Amino acid sequence: MITTRRQSGKTLSRPDSDAPMMDEVDTPSAATSLLEELISDFERIVADTIAQVEACPAKHDPTFEGYQELLAAVRSATSLEGALLKRAIALVVGKNPKLSLLHLERPLPVHQAAKVLFLRDDWARASMIRCDAEVITREYYRPDLLVVDRAQQHALLLDIKRTVSSYSPSAIVTLRSRMMASALVVREVLERKYEVPSVSRASIAIIDATGDSRSEAEGILGFGDLGWLLRIDGAGRAITHLRELYGAKIRAILQKHCETIMGQRHKGRSGEKPQAGFEKEMGPTPGNEEQDEKLNPQAVDQVGDQEGKFDDIGGNSDEPAGAHAATLSHSPAFAVGVAARRTR
């Protein structure tokens, strides 16, 4: 059972969905300066990731016979990108001396009562819940990054997604509810386990690398928001530059594989007559070029995002079921919410 109490009359309110959503505002000089400081580190972690992509072995797959190396490169590139982005943002955080990046020894407990309230959008009641960090629960959550702003007494839980649009809306709602419920115990965890100043509030943010699903009211932000979110000018542009650097390296690898595949096919057909019906099968249907293009996308486009392989980088997992426990907290008021520009 979880005991609840009022926090000096304060309640957690649902963010205003009509709030303005401004892009990151920073000066070109600040962005350039930050990038100059980070470029060598960025090149190093990109090189490390590219080495892993190139070392990924190709597995036999009858469906993609002859394209296994290309398929392996695409799959490993997408699955490793999340870890690369996590390392890059951690490097950016290190450029603000007022921020601390904490590595949790254990994932945060997700209190089911709080999760249910957040799922129902009952933010007022959820704001009054005081949870014990030592409770045994069925579910746990580990953020990709946990950032503490000592000056603002603020804890920020970040979950980094390569593309939010690949998830169903209900999956994102569930993720956000898990993050919010686990954020309720952040202050107590920090006070017990870590030598950091006490925090008065915690916020959550889902970082969408593509930026296509950005919604500040729902806690989904893009790289362009990292500047105000981390209070570091040029943060968003720096991460965008890293992704461009990584993308160029990956495309070079894919181009090499494509050239090898085409060379082998050309070599295999040299001096031989094409098999009956081959040209007809591979060529476009007269008058239906547009339809054929839709029905026969390139092999690379048929490879879906492998989000499941890296999205829970920190090890989010369910633990054995146990009895719920809670204690009445006498600590000061503590607010939890999605990250919003007006609270930074």
Protein backbone atom coordinates (compact mmCIF):
# COMPACT_ATOMS: atom_id res chain seq x y z
CA MET A 1 0.00 0.00 0.00
CA ILE A 2 1.20 3.49 -0.78
CA THR A 3 0.51 6.27 1.65
CA THR A 4 -0.34 9.65 0.19
CA ARG A 5 -0.34 13.09 1.71
CA ARG A 6 -0.82 16.65 0.56
CA GLN A 7 2.31 18.62 -0.16
CA SER A 8 1.72 22.05 1.36
CA GLY A 9 -1.25 22.55 -0.89
CA LYS A 10 0.74 21.98 -4.06
CA THR A 11 -0.43 19.61 -6.75
CA LEU A 12 1.01 18.50 -10.04
CA SER A 13 -0.83 19.98 -13.00
CA ARG A 14 -1.06 18.57 -16.50
CA PRO A 15 1.15 20.58 -18.89
CA ASP A 16 -0.67 22.99 -21.17
CA SER A 17 -0.90 21.33 -24.58
CA ASP A 18 -1.22 24.78 -26.17
CA ALA A 19 2.03 26.06 -24.68
CA PRO A 20 4.40 27.52 -27.28
CA MET A 21 7.02 25.11 -28.56
CA MET A 22 10.06 27.18 -29.42
CA ASP A 23 13.21 25.77 -30.97
CA GLU A 24 16.58 25.99 -29.29
CA VAL A 25 17.90 29.54 -29.24
CA ASP A 26 21.67 29.88 -29.20
CA THR A 27 24.22 32.05 -30.87
CA PRO A 28 26.35 30.67 -33.71
CA SER A 29 29.48 31.49 -31.74
CA ALA A 30 28.29 29.47 -28.72
CA ALA A 31 27.36 26.50 -30.88
CA THR A 32 30.69 26.64 -32.71
CA SER A 33 32.63 26.91 -29.48
CA LEU A 34 30.91 23.88 -27.96
CA LEU A 35 31.40 21.82 -31.11
CA GLU A 36 35.09 22.71 -31.21
CA GLU A 37 35.45 21.44 -27.66
CA LEU A 38 33.66 18.19 -28.41
CA ILE A 39 34.68 17.37 -31.97
CA SER A 40 37.65 15.15 -31.07
CA ASP A 41 35.54 13.19 -28.56
CA PHE A 42 32.72 12.92 -31.09
CA GLU A 43 35.09 11.57 -33.74
CA ARG A 44 36.42 9.04 -31.23
CA ILE A 45 33.04 7.62 -30.21
CA VAL A 46 31.85 7.58 -33.83
CA ALA A 47 34.98 5.62 -34.79
CA ASP A 48 34.31 3.17 -31.94
CA THR A 49 30.73 2.63 -33.13
CA ILE A 50 31.75 2.26 -36.79
CA ALA A 51 34.26 -0.40 -35.76
CA GLN A 52 31.44 -2.34 -34.08
CA VAL A 53 29.26 -2.02 -37.17
CA GLU A 54 32.03 -3.35 -39.41
CA ALA A 55 32.75 -6.21 -37.01
CA CYS A 56 29.13 -7.37 -36.97
CA PRO A 57 29.04 -10.80 -38.64
CA ALA A 58 26.60 -11.54 -41.43
CA LYS A 59 24.21 -14.39 -40.71
CA HIS A 60 22.73 -16.72 -43.27
CA ASP A 61 19.25 -15.64 -44.27
CA PRO A 62 17.48 -17.35 -47.21
CA THR A 63 15.24 -14.32 -47.70
CA PHE A 64 18.21 -11.98 -48.19
CA GLU A 65 20.51 -14.42 -49.96
CA GLY A 66 23.48 -12.47 -51.31
CA TYR A 67 22.61 -9.37 -49.28
CA GLN A 68 23.56 -10.65 -45.81
CA GLU A 69 26.52 -8.28 -45.37
CA LEU A 70 24.38 -5.28 -46.33
CA LEU A 71 21.60 -6.40 -44.01
CA ALA A 72 24.01 -6.92 -41.10
CA ALA A 73 25.45 -3.43 -41.57
CA VAL A 74 22.01 -1.78 -41.59
CA ARG A 75 20.80 -3.67 -38.55
CA SER A 76 23.92 -3.07 -36.48
CA ALA A 77 24.05 0.62 -37.50
CA THR A 78 20.49 1.25 -36.29
CA SER A 79 20.83 -0.80 -33.10
CA LEU A 80 24.10 0.89 -32.09
CA GLU A 81 22.99 4.44 -32.83
CA GLY A 82 21.04 4.75 -29.58
CA ALA A 83 24.11 3.96 -27.50
CA LEU A 84 26.13 6.45 -29.56
CA LEU A 85 23.60 9.22 -28.94
CA LYS A 86 23.58 8.43 -25.24
CA ARG A 87 27.39 8.75 -25.06
CA ALA A 88 27.31 11.99 -27.05
CA ILE A 89 24.68 13.65 -24.84
CA ALA A 90 26.65 12.56 -21.78
CA LEU A 91 29.70 14.36 -23.20
CA VAL A 92 27.60 17.48 -23.73
CA VAL A 93 26.32 17.33 -20.14
CA GLY A 94 29.92 17.34 -18.95
CA LYS A 95 30.40 20.81 -20.42
CA ASN A 96 28.09 22.37 -17.83
CA PRO A 97 29.88 22.36 -14.44
CA LYS A 98 26.56 22.76 -12.65
CA LEU A 99 25.28 19.43 -14.00
CA SER A 100 26.04 15.98 -12.66
CA LEU A 101 25.48 12.78 -14.61
CA LEU A 102 24.60 9.94 -12.25
CA HIS A 103 24.92 6.22 -12.92
CA LEU A 104 22.28 4.35 -10.96
CA GLU A 105 23.37 1.19 -9.20
CA ARG A 106 19.85 -0.19 -9.49
CA PRO A 107 16.85 0.78 -11.62
CA LEU A 108 14.16 2.93 -10.04
CA PRO A 109 11.02 1.21 -8.73
CA VAL A 110 7.81 1.92 -10.61
CA HIS A 111 4.95 2.20 -8.13
CA GLN A 112 1.87 0.74 -9.71
CA ALA A 113 -0.61 3.07 -7.99
CA ALA A 114 1.27 6.12 -9.30
CA LYS A 115 1.61 4.58 -12.77
CA VAL A 116 -2.16 3.99 -12.96
CA LEU A 117 -2.87 7.60 -11.97
CA PHE A 118 -0.50 8.93 -14.60
CA LEU A 119 -2.05 6.65 -17.21
CA ARG A 120 -5.41 8.16 -16.33
CA ASP A 121 -3.96 11.70 -16.51
CA ASP A 122 -4.92 12.16 -12.85
CA TRP A 123 -1.96 14.41 -12.17
CA ALA A 124 -3.48 16.12 -9.13
CA ARG A 125 -3.73 12.87 -7.16
CA ALA A 126 -0.41 11.60 -8.45
CA SER A 127 1.31 14.72 -7.13
CA MET A 128 0.32 13.80 -3.56
CA ILE A 129 1.84 10.32 -3.61
CA ARG A 130 4.97 9.87 -1.53
CA CYS A 131 6.76 6.64 -2.42
CA ASP A 132 9.37 4.62 -0.57
CA ALA A 133 12.43 3.96 -2.75
CA GLU A 134 13.04 0.64 -0.97
CA VAL A 135 9.63 -0.81 -1.78
CA ILE A 136 9.51 -4.16 -3.55
CA THR A 137 7.49 -3.80 -6.71
CA ARG A 138 6.77 -5.70 -9.90
CA GLU A 139 8.28 -3.16 -12.26
CA TYR A 140 11.45 -1.11 -12.47
CA TYR A 141 12.75 1.56 -14.82
CA ARG A 142 16.28 2.79 -15.52
CA PRO A 143 16.56 6.07 -17.47
CA ASP A 144 19.11 6.26 -20.25
CA LEU A 145 20.53 9.35 -18.55
CA LEU A 146 19.89 10.85 -15.11
CA VAL A 147 21.04 14.45 -14.94
CA VAL A 148 21.04 16.52 -11.76
CA ASP A 149 21.14 20.31 -11.97
CA ARG A 150 22.56 21.35 -8.61
CA ALA A 151 21.89 25.04 -9.14
CA GLN A 152 18.22 24.45 -9.94
CA GLN A 153 17.77 21.52 -7.50
CA HIS A 154 16.35 19.63 -10.42
CA ALA A 155 16.62 15.98 -11.52
CA LEU A 156 16.05 15.16 -15.19
CA LEU A 157 15.27 11.65 -16.44
CA LEU A 158 16.01 11.16 -20.15
CA ASP A 159 14.90 8.30 -22.37
CA ILE A 160 16.50 8.43 -25.82
CA LYS A 161 14.65 6.99 -28.81
CA ARG A 162 15.99 6.78 -32.34
CA THR A 163 12.48 7.34 -33.66
CA VAL A 164 9.37 7.69 -31.51
CA SER A 165 7.08 7.23 -34.52
CA SER A 166 8.02 3.55 -34.69
CA TYR A 167 6.12 3.01 -31.43
CA SER A 168 2.38 2.94 -30.99
CA PRO A 169 0.84 5.90 -29.13
CA SER A 170 -0.19 3.58 -26.28
CA ALA A 171 3.40 2.36 -25.89
CA ILE A 172 4.66 5.92 -25.53
CA VAL A 173 1.92 6.74 -23.00
CA THR A 174 2.93 3.67 -20.98
CA LEU A 175 6.60 4.63 -21.15
CA ARG A 176 5.88 8.16 -19.99
CA SER A 177 3.77 6.86 -17.10
CA ARG A 178 6.58 4.51 -16.03
CA MET A 179 9.04 7.39 -16.14
CA MET A 180 6.79 9.67 -14.12
CA ALA A 181 6.05 6.99 -11.53
CA SER A 182 9.75 6.19 -11.08
CA ALA A 183 10.59 9.91 -10.88
CA LEU A 184 8.59 10.10 -7.65
CA VAL A 185 11.37 8.24 -5.81
CA VAL A 186 14.34 10.07 -7.35
CA ARG A 187 14.84 12.51 -4.49
CA GLU A 188 14.89 9.77 -1.88
CA VAL A 189 17.28 7.64 -3.96
CA LEU A 190 19.66 10.57 -4.40
CA GLU A 191 19.57 11.45 -0.70
CA ARG A 192 20.27 7.87 0.39
CA LYS A 193 22.80 6.69 -2.18
CA TYR A 194 24.54 9.66 -3.77
CA GLU A 195 26.48 12.66 -2.58
CA VAL A 196 24.52 15.33 -4.41
CA PRO A 197 22.49 18.24 -3.07
CA SER A 198 18.83 17.57 -2.44
CA VAL A 199 16.49 18.15 -5.36
CA SER A 200 13.08 19.77 -5.09
CA ARG A 201 11.62 18.50 -8.35
CA ALA A 202 12.10 15.95 -11.10
CA SER A 203 11.21 16.09 -14.78
CA ILE A 204 11.11 13.50 -17.53
CA ALA A 205 11.79 13.87 -21.24
CA ILE A 206 11.68 11.42 -24.13
CA ILE A 207 14.25 12.52 -26.71
CA ASP A 208 13.15 11.72 -30.27
CA ALA A 209 16.24 11.70 -32.49
CA THR A 210 14.18 12.32 -35.62
CA GLY A 211 12.16 15.16 -34.06
CA ASP A 212 9.09 14.09 -36.06
CA SER A 213 6.94 13.38 -32.99
CA ARG A 214 7.92 16.41 -30.91
CA SER A 215 5.28 17.40 -28.36
CA GLU A 216 6.39 19.42 -25.35
CA ALA A 217 3.06 18.81 -23.62
CA GLU A 218 3.63 15.05 -23.83
CA GLY A 219 7.27 15.22 -22.79
CA ILE A 220 8.60 14.31 -26.26
CA LEU A 221 11.45 16.60 -27.27
CA GLY A 222 14.03 16.75 -30.03
CA PHE A 223 17.72 17.58 -30.30
CA GLY A 224 16.80 21.23 -30.77
CA ASP A 225 15.50 21.30 -27.18
CA LEU A 226 18.72 20.11 -25.56
CA GLY A 227 20.03 23.68 -25.28
CA TRP A 228 17.33 24.92 -22.87
CA LEU A 229 16.80 21.49 -21.35
CA LEU A 230 20.46 21.14 -20.27
CA ARG A 231 21.11 24.90 -20.09
CA ILE A 232 23.97 24.51 -22.58
CA ASP A 233 24.05 26.76 -25.64
CA GLY A 234 24.71 24.82 -28.84
CA ALA A 235 23.90 21.40 -27.36
CA GLY A 236 21.33 20.52 -30.02
CA ARG A 237 23.54 21.58 -32.91
CA ALA A 238 26.46 19.60 -31.52
CA ILE A 239 24.43 16.37 -31.35
CA THR A 240 23.04 17.02 -34.84
CA HIS A 241 26.61 17.36 -36.13
CA LEU A 242 27.56 14.06 -34.48
CA ARG A 243 24.65 12.32 -36.17
CA GLU A 244 25.64 13.76 -39.54
CA LEU A 245 29.18 12.49 -39.00
CA TYR A 246 27.90 9.03 -38.10
CA GLY A 247 25.47 9.00 -41.02
CA ALA A 248 28.21 9.82 -43.53
CA LYS A 249 30.36 6.95 -42.26
CA ILE A 250 27.45 4.49 -42.35
CA ARG A 251 26.43 5.48 -45.88
CA ALA A 252 29.99 4.90 -47.04
CA ILE A 253 29.86 1.38 -45.60
CA LEU A 254 26.52 0.67 -47.26
CA GLN A 255 27.78 2.03 -50.58
CA LYS A 256 30.75 -0.31 -50.41
CA HIS A 257 28.50 -3.30 -49.74
CA CYS A 258 26.20 -2.33 -52.60
CA GLU A 259 29.12 -2.05 -55.02
CA THR A 260 30.40 -5.46 -53.92
CA ILE A 261 26.98 -7.04 -54.44
CA MET A 262 26.55 -5.54 -57.89
CA GLY A 263 30.10 -6.54 -58.84
CA GLN A 264 29.47 -10.15 -57.84
CA ARG A 265 26.20 -10.28 -59.76
CA HIS A 266 27.83 -8.79 -62.85
CA LYS A 267 30.71 -11.23 -62.61
CA GLY A 268 28.34 -14.17 -62.20
CA ARG A 269 26.38 -13.24 -65.32
CA SER A 270 29.31 -12.32 -67.60
CA GLY A 271 29.50 -14.59 -70.64
CA GLU A 272 26.17 -16.21 -69.80
CA LYS A 273 22.75 -15.75 -71.26
CA PRO A 274 20.22 -14.31 -68.86
CA GLN A 275 17.81 -16.89 -67.55
CA ALA A 276 14.50 -17.00 -69.33
CA GLY A 277 12.16 -14.41 -67.94
CA PHE A 278 14.89 -12.75 -65.84
CA GLU A 279 14.88 -9.43 -67.64
CA LYS A 280 11.12 -9.41 -67.74
CA GLU A 281 10.92 -10.11 -64.04
CA MET A 282 13.46 -7.50 -63.00
CA GLY A 283 12.51 -4.77 -65.45
CA PRO A 284 9.65 -2.33 -64.92
CA THR A 285 6.27 -3.20 -66.27
CA PRO A 286 5.50 -1.01 -69.31
CA GLY A 287 3.26 1.84 -68.29
CA ASN A 288 3.46 0.90 -64.61
CA GLU A 289 6.87 2.21 -63.55
CA GLU A 290 5.39 4.12 -60.62
CA GLN A 291 3.51 1.06 -59.36
CA ASP A 292 6.60 -1.13 -59.64
CA GLU A 293 8.59 1.38 -57.64
CA LYS A 294 6.05 1.18 -54.84
CA LEU A 295 5.91 -2.60 -54.88
CA ASN A 296 9.65 -3.17 -55.08
CA PRO A 297 11.47 -0.87 -52.58
CA GLN A 298 15.21 -1.28 -52.15
CA ALA A 299 16.48 -3.90 -49.77
CA VAL A 300 17.70 -1.28 -47.32
CA ASP A 301 14.22 0.23 -46.96
CA GLN A 302 12.78 -3.16 -46.02
CA VAL A 303 14.91 -3.32 -42.90
CA GLY A 304 12.85 -1.96 -40.00
CA ASP A 305 14.28 0.02 -37.10
CA GLN A 306 15.69 -2.36 -34.51
CA GLU A 307 14.55 -0.25 -31.61
CA GLY A 308 14.13 -3.12 -29.23
CA LYS A 309 17.86 -3.79 -29.30
CA PHE A 310 18.97 -0.53 -27.79
CA ASP A 311 16.09 1.54 -26.50
CA ASP A 312 16.33 0.01 -23.02
CA ILE A 313 20.08 0.59 -22.93
CA GLY A 314 20.09 1.10 -19.19
CA GLY A 315 18.47 -2.27 -18.52
CA ASN A 316 14.79 -1.51 -17.92
CA SER A 317 13.32 -4.77 -16.75
CA ASP A 318 10.64 -6.33 -14.69
CA GLU A 319 11.66 -7.84 -11.35
CA PRO A 320 10.01 -10.72 -9.44
CA ALA A 321 6.71 -9.81 -7.94
CA GLY A 322 6.70 -8.79 -4.33
CA ALA A 323 4.56 -7.10 -1.75
CA HIS A 324 4.04 -3.38 -2.05
CA ALA A 325 5.27 -1.25 0.82
CA ALA A 326 5.18 2.43 1.57
CA THR A 327 6.01 4.88 4.29
CA LEU A 328 4.69 8.28 5.20
CA SER A 329 7.32 10.82 4.17
CA HIS A 330 7.88 13.98 6.16
CA SER A 331 10.21 15.55 3.59
CA PRO A 332 9.49 18.90 1.91
CA ALA A 333 7.24 19.26 -1.12
CA PHE A 334 8.48 17.52 -4.24
CA ALA A 335 7.07 18.10 -7.72
CA VAL A 336 7.23 15.74 -10.68
CA GLY A 337 6.34 16.61 -14.26
CA VAL A 338 7.39 16.51 -17.89
CA ALA A 339 10.25 18.83 -18.78
CA ALA A 340 8.92 22.24 -19.82
CA ARG A 341 10.71 25.39 -20.85
CA ARG A 342 8.93 27.52 -18.29
CA THR A 343 10.32 25.36 -15.42
CA ARG A 344 13.95 25.57 -16.55
